[in-house]
């Protein structure tokens, strides 16, 4: 998925992940989706970044998955996205960072 050459394929797959993650984050995380999501955040495609950020907000709402997000490098990527000019992307990145910070996740990574 992260190495898909066709951005339309990536976009469709990430849309499905974003929709599925709202109620089923656990099977996604247990299947190892976090590194793939983080690779897609680096894609430079704002539409994909928005969908991935929405998925990460869902995942980060689960306290047990926050350390995984930190360990896999989500925090620097989310900080970078929170500085974008796109208000929707900015808000989603900030929401995910807030979720991680709520349980002290950011202080654990420092």
N, C-alpha and C. Protein backbone atom coordinates (compact mmCIF):
# COMPACT_ATOMS: atom_id res chain seq x y z
N UNK A 1 0.83 -1.20 0.00
CA UNK A 1 0.00 0.00 0.00
C UNK A 1 0.86 1.25 0.00
N UNK A 2 1.84 1.31 0.89
CA UNK A 2 2.70 2.49 0.95
C UNK A 2 3.57 2.62 -0.28
N UNK A 3 3.84 1.51 -0.95
CA UNK A 3 4.69 1.57 -2.13
C UNK A 3 3.88 1.51 -3.42
N UNK A 4 2.57 1.64 -3.33
CA UNK A 4 1.73 1.61 -4.53
C UNK A 4 2.13 2.74 -5.46
N UNK A 5 2.29 2.41 -6.73
CA UNK A 5 2.71 3.42 -7.68
C UNK A 5 1.55 4.27 -8.13
N UNK A 6 0.38 3.78 -8.04
CA UNK A 6 -0.79 4.53 -8.46
C UNK A 6 -1.42 5.20 -7.25
N UNK A 7 -1.37 6.52 -7.22
CA UNK A 7 -1.89 7.26 -6.06
C UNK A 7 -3.39 7.03 -5.90
N UNK A 8 -4.12 6.76 -7.00
CA UNK A 8 -5.55 6.48 -6.88
C UNK A 8 -5.80 5.20 -6.08
N UNK A 9 -4.95 4.20 -6.28
CA UNK A 9 -5.07 2.95 -5.52
C UNK A 9 -4.81 3.24 -4.04
N UNK A 10 -3.76 4.00 -3.77
CA UNK A 10 -3.45 4.35 -2.38
C UNK A 10 -4.60 5.12 -1.75
N UNK A 11 -5.13 6.07 -2.47
CA UNK A 11 -6.22 6.90 -1.95
C UNK A 11 -7.45 6.05 -1.62
N UNK A 12 -7.81 5.14 -2.51
CA UNK A 12 -8.96 4.27 -2.26
C UNK A 12 -8.72 3.34 -1.07
N UNK A 13 -7.52 2.79 -0.99
CA UNK A 13 -7.21 1.90 0.12
C UNK A 13 -7.21 2.64 1.44
N UNK A 14 -6.67 3.85 1.45
CA UNK A 14 -6.62 4.63 2.68
C UNK A 14 -8.02 5.09 3.08
N UNK A 15 -8.88 5.36 2.11
CA UNK A 15 -10.26 5.70 2.42
C UNK A 15 -10.93 4.55 3.14
N UNK A 16 -10.71 3.34 2.66
CA UNK A 16 -11.28 2.15 3.32
C UNK A 16 -10.72 2.00 4.73
N UNK A 17 -9.41 2.19 4.88
CA UNK A 17 -8.80 2.10 6.22
C UNK A 17 -9.37 3.15 7.17
N UNK A 18 -9.52 4.36 6.67
CA UNK A 18 -10.05 5.44 7.51
C UNK A 18 -11.46 5.12 7.98
N UNK A 19 -12.28 4.62 7.06
CA UNK A 19 -13.66 4.27 7.44
C UNK A 19 -13.69 3.09 8.40
N UNK A 20 -12.86 2.09 8.15
CA UNK A 20 -12.82 0.90 8.99
C UNK A 20 -12.27 1.21 10.38
N UNK A 21 -11.32 2.13 10.45
CA UNK A 21 -10.64 2.40 11.72
C UNK A 21 -11.54 3.07 12.76
N UNK A 22 -12.60 3.70 12.31
CA UNK A 22 -13.47 4.39 13.25
C UNK A 22 -14.04 3.44 14.30
N UNK A 23 -14.33 2.22 13.90
CA UNK A 23 -14.90 1.25 14.84
C UNK A 23 -14.02 0.03 15.06
N UNK A 24 -12.95 -0.10 14.28
CA UNK A 24 -12.16 -1.34 14.31
C UNK A 24 -10.65 -1.06 14.29
N UNK A 25 -10.21 -0.16 15.13
CA UNK A 25 -8.78 0.18 15.15
C UNK A 25 -7.93 -0.99 15.62
N UNK A 26 -8.42 -1.77 16.54
CA UNK A 26 -7.62 -2.86 17.12
C UNK A 26 -7.12 -3.85 16.07
N UNK A 27 -7.97 -4.39 15.21
CA UNK A 27 -7.43 -5.35 14.22
C UNK A 27 -6.44 -4.70 13.26
N UNK A 28 -6.64 -3.43 12.95
CA UNK A 28 -5.70 -2.74 12.07
C UNK A 28 -4.32 -2.62 12.72
N UNK A 29 -4.30 -2.19 13.97
CA UNK A 29 -3.03 -2.02 14.67
C UNK A 29 -2.36 -3.37 14.87
N UNK A 30 -3.12 -4.37 15.25
CA UNK A 30 -2.55 -5.70 15.45
C UNK A 30 -2.02 -6.30 14.15
N UNK A 31 -2.57 -5.85 13.02
CA UNK A 31 -2.08 -6.32 11.72
C UNK A 31 -0.84 -5.56 11.27
N UNK A 32 -0.43 -4.56 12.05
CA UNK A 32 0.80 -3.83 11.75
C UNK A 32 0.64 -2.66 10.80
N UNK A 33 -0.51 -2.00 10.84
CA UNK A 33 -0.79 -0.93 9.88
C UNK A 33 -0.06 0.38 10.18
N UNK A 34 0.41 0.58 11.40
CA UNK A 34 0.98 1.89 11.76
C UNK A 34 2.17 2.28 10.88
N UNK A 35 3.17 1.43 10.67
CA UNK A 35 4.28 1.84 9.81
C UNK A 35 3.83 2.22 8.38
N UNK A 36 2.85 1.50 7.86
CA UNK A 36 2.33 1.81 6.53
C UNK A 36 1.65 3.17 6.52
N UNK A 37 0.87 3.45 7.55
CA UNK A 37 0.21 4.76 7.64
C UNK A 37 1.22 5.89 7.71
N UNK A 38 2.27 5.67 8.48
CA UNK A 38 3.28 6.72 8.61
C UNK A 38 4.03 6.93 7.30
N UNK A 39 4.26 5.87 6.56
CA UNK A 39 4.88 6.01 5.24
C UNK A 39 3.97 6.82 4.31
N UNK A 40 2.69 6.59 4.41
CA UNK A 40 1.74 7.33 3.57
C UNK A 40 1.65 8.80 3.98
N UNK A 41 1.88 9.10 5.25
CA UNK A 41 1.90 10.50 5.68
C UNK A 41 3.03 11.26 4.96
N UNK A 42 4.07 10.55 4.61
CA UNK A 42 5.21 11.16 3.93
C UNK A 42 4.98 11.31 2.43
N UNK A 43 3.83 10.88 1.93
CA UNK A 43 3.58 10.83 0.49
C UNK A 43 3.56 12.19 -0.19
N UNK A 44 3.23 13.22 0.57
CA UNK A 44 3.13 14.55 -0.04
C UNK A 44 1.77 14.81 -0.68
N UNK A 45 0.93 13.80 -0.75
CA UNK A 45 -0.41 13.96 -1.32
C UNK A 45 -1.36 14.34 -0.19
N UNK A 46 -1.91 15.56 -0.26
CA UNK A 46 -2.73 16.06 0.85
C UNK A 46 -3.97 15.22 1.09
N UNK A 47 -4.59 14.73 0.03
CA UNK A 47 -5.80 13.92 0.21
C UNK A 47 -5.48 12.64 0.98
N UNK A 48 -4.39 12.00 0.62
CA UNK A 48 -3.95 10.79 1.33
C UNK A 48 -3.56 11.15 2.76
N UNK A 49 -2.85 12.25 2.94
CA UNK A 49 -2.46 12.67 4.28
C UNK A 49 -3.68 12.94 5.16
N UNK A 50 -4.72 13.53 4.60
CA UNK A 50 -5.95 13.78 5.37
C UNK A 50 -6.59 12.47 5.82
N UNK A 51 -6.69 11.52 4.90
CA UNK A 51 -7.30 10.23 5.23
C UNK A 51 -6.47 9.46 6.25
N UNK A 52 -5.16 9.47 6.08
CA UNK A 52 -4.28 8.80 7.03
C UNK A 52 -4.35 9.46 8.39
N UNK A 53 -4.38 10.78 8.40
CA UNK A 53 -4.48 11.51 9.68
C UNK A 53 -5.77 11.16 10.40
N UNK A 54 -6.85 11.04 9.64
CA UNK A 54 -8.13 10.65 10.25
C UNK A 54 -8.02 9.26 10.88
N UNK A 55 -7.33 8.36 10.20
CA UNK A 55 -7.12 7.01 10.72
C UNK A 55 -6.26 7.05 11.99
N UNK A 56 -5.23 7.87 11.98
CA UNK A 56 -4.36 7.98 13.15
C UNK A 56 -5.10 8.60 14.33
N UNK A 57 -6.01 9.52 14.08
CA UNK A 57 -6.83 10.06 15.17
C UNK A 57 -7.63 8.93 15.80
N UNK A 58 -8.22 8.08 14.99
CA UNK A 58 -8.98 6.94 15.52
C UNK A 58 -8.09 6.01 16.33
N UNK A 59 -6.93 5.69 15.79
CA UNK A 59 -6.01 4.78 16.48
C UNK A 59 -5.52 5.41 17.79
N UNK A 60 -5.21 6.70 17.75
CA UNK A 60 -4.65 7.37 18.94
C UNK A 60 -5.68 7.58 20.04
N UNK A 61 -6.95 7.37 19.72
CA UNK A 61 -7.96 7.48 20.78
C UNK A 61 -7.92 6.28 21.72
N UNK A 62 -7.22 5.22 21.30
CA UNK A 62 -7.02 4.04 22.13
C UNK A 62 -5.71 4.20 22.90
N UNK A 63 -5.80 4.32 24.20
CA UNK A 63 -4.63 4.57 25.03
C UNK A 63 -3.54 3.52 24.82
N UNK A 64 -3.92 2.31 24.58
CA UNK A 64 -2.95 1.24 24.41
C UNK A 64 -2.12 1.35 23.14
N UNK A 65 -2.60 2.10 22.16
CA UNK A 65 -1.89 2.22 20.89
C UNK A 65 -1.02 3.47 20.81
N UNK A 66 -1.10 4.34 21.79
CA UNK A 66 -0.34 5.59 21.74
C UNK A 66 1.16 5.36 21.78
N UNK A 67 1.62 4.43 22.59
CA UNK A 67 3.05 4.15 22.67
C UNK A 67 3.54 3.58 21.35
N UNK A 68 2.73 2.75 20.70
CA UNK A 68 3.12 2.23 19.38
C UNK A 68 3.30 3.36 18.38
N UNK A 69 2.37 4.32 18.40
CA UNK A 69 2.49 5.46 17.50
C UNK A 69 3.77 6.23 17.77
N UNK A 70 4.07 6.43 19.04
CA UNK A 70 5.29 7.15 19.42
C UNK A 70 6.52 6.37 18.96
N UNK A 71 6.56 5.09 19.28
CA UNK A 71 7.73 4.26 18.95
C UNK A 71 7.96 4.13 17.44
N UNK A 72 6.88 4.21 16.68
CA UNK A 72 7.00 4.09 15.22
C UNK A 72 7.29 5.43 14.55
N UNK A 73 7.36 6.51 15.34
CA UNK A 73 7.75 7.81 14.78
C UNK A 73 6.64 8.72 14.34
N UNK A 74 5.44 8.52 14.87
CA UNK A 74 4.31 9.35 14.45
C UNK A 74 4.41 10.80 14.91
N UNK A 75 4.97 11.04 16.09
CA UNK A 75 4.95 12.39 16.67
C UNK A 75 5.64 13.42 15.78
N UNK A 76 6.86 13.21 15.32
CA UNK A 76 7.48 14.23 14.46
C UNK A 76 6.70 14.49 13.17
N UNK A 77 6.13 13.42 12.60
CA UNK A 77 5.32 13.59 11.38
C UNK A 77 4.06 14.41 11.66
N UNK A 78 3.41 14.11 12.78
CA UNK A 78 2.19 14.85 13.13
C UNK A 78 2.51 16.31 13.44
N UNK A 79 3.62 16.55 14.10
CA UNK A 79 4.02 17.94 14.37
C UNK A 79 4.23 18.68 13.05
N UNK A 80 4.89 18.04 12.13
CA UNK A 80 5.12 18.65 10.82
C UNK A 80 3.79 18.95 10.11
N UNK A 81 2.86 18.00 10.14
CA UNK A 81 1.57 18.21 9.49
C UNK A 81 0.73 19.27 10.20
N UNK A 82 0.94 19.42 11.50
CA UNK A 82 0.17 20.44 12.23
C UNK A 82 0.59 21.85 11.84
N UNK A 83 1.69 21.97 11.12
CA UNK A 83 2.18 23.28 10.68
C UNK A 83 1.79 23.62 9.24
N UNK A 84 0.99 22.76 8.62
CA UNK A 84 0.63 23.00 7.22
C UNK A 84 -0.40 24.12 7.12
N UNK A 85 -0.58 24.59 5.91
CA UNK A 85 -1.56 25.63 5.65
C UNK A 85 -2.97 25.07 5.47
N UNK A 86 -3.08 23.75 5.34
CA UNK A 86 -4.39 23.12 5.18
C UNK A 86 -5.04 23.01 6.55
N UNK A 87 -6.14 23.75 6.79
CA UNK A 87 -6.74 23.76 8.12
C UNK A 87 -7.28 22.39 8.57
N UNK A 88 -7.76 21.59 7.62
CA UNK A 88 -8.28 20.26 7.99
C UNK A 88 -7.15 19.33 8.40
N UNK A 89 -6.06 19.38 7.66
CA UNK A 89 -4.89 18.56 7.99
C UNK A 89 -4.28 19.02 9.31
N UNK A 90 -4.20 20.31 9.47
CA UNK A 90 -3.70 20.89 10.72
C UNK A 90 -4.52 20.39 11.91
N UNK A 91 -5.85 20.45 11.79
CA UNK A 91 -6.74 20.05 12.88
C UNK A 91 -6.62 18.56 13.20
N UNK A 92 -6.55 17.72 12.18
CA UNK A 92 -6.44 16.28 12.42
C UNK A 92 -5.11 15.93 13.08
N UNK A 93 -4.03 16.55 12.63
CA UNK A 93 -2.72 16.29 13.24
C UNK A 93 -2.74 16.75 14.70
N UNK A 94 -3.33 17.90 14.95
CA UNK A 94 -3.42 18.41 16.32
C UNK A 94 -4.27 17.50 17.19
N UNK A 95 -5.36 16.96 16.64
CA UNK A 95 -6.21 16.04 17.40
C UNK A 95 -5.44 14.77 17.77
N UNK A 96 -4.68 14.24 16.83
CA UNK A 96 -3.90 13.03 17.12
C UNK A 96 -2.84 13.32 18.17
N UNK A 97 -2.16 14.45 18.04
CA UNK A 97 -1.14 14.82 19.03
C UNK A 97 -1.78 15.01 20.41
N UNK A 98 -2.95 15.61 20.43
CA UNK A 98 -3.65 15.80 21.70
C UNK A 98 -4.00 14.44 22.33
N UNK A 99 -4.48 13.51 21.51
CA UNK A 99 -4.80 12.17 22.03
C UNK A 99 -3.56 11.52 22.63
N UNK A 100 -2.44 11.63 21.94
CA UNK A 100 -1.20 11.02 22.43
C UNK A 100 -0.77 11.69 23.73
N UNK A 101 -0.90 13.00 23.79
CA UNK A 101 -0.46 13.75 24.97
C UNK A 101 -1.37 13.51 26.18
N UNK A 102 -2.64 13.21 25.96
CA UNK A 102 -3.60 13.03 27.06
C UNK A 102 -3.16 12.00 28.07
N UNK A 103 -2.57 10.94 27.57
CA UNK A 103 -2.16 9.87 28.49
C UNK A 103 -0.69 9.99 28.88
N UNK A 104 -0.13 11.15 28.62
CA UNK A 104 1.27 11.33 28.96
C UNK A 104 2.20 10.70 27.96
N UNK A 105 1.67 10.32 26.79
CA UNK A 105 2.47 9.65 25.79
C UNK A 105 3.65 10.49 25.30
N UNK A 106 3.47 11.80 25.19
CA UNK A 106 4.56 12.62 24.71
C UNK A 106 5.66 12.74 25.74
N UNK A 107 5.28 12.77 27.00
CA UNK A 107 6.32 12.90 28.03
C UNK A 107 7.13 11.60 28.14
N UNK A 108 6.52 10.46 27.80
CA UNK A 108 7.22 9.19 27.82
C UNK A 108 8.27 9.11 26.72
N UNK A 109 8.03 9.83 25.61
CA UNK A 109 8.94 9.73 24.48
C UNK A 109 10.10 10.70 24.59
N UNK A 110 10.09 11.60 25.54
CA UNK A 110 11.16 12.60 25.68
C UNK A 110 12.23 12.13 26.62
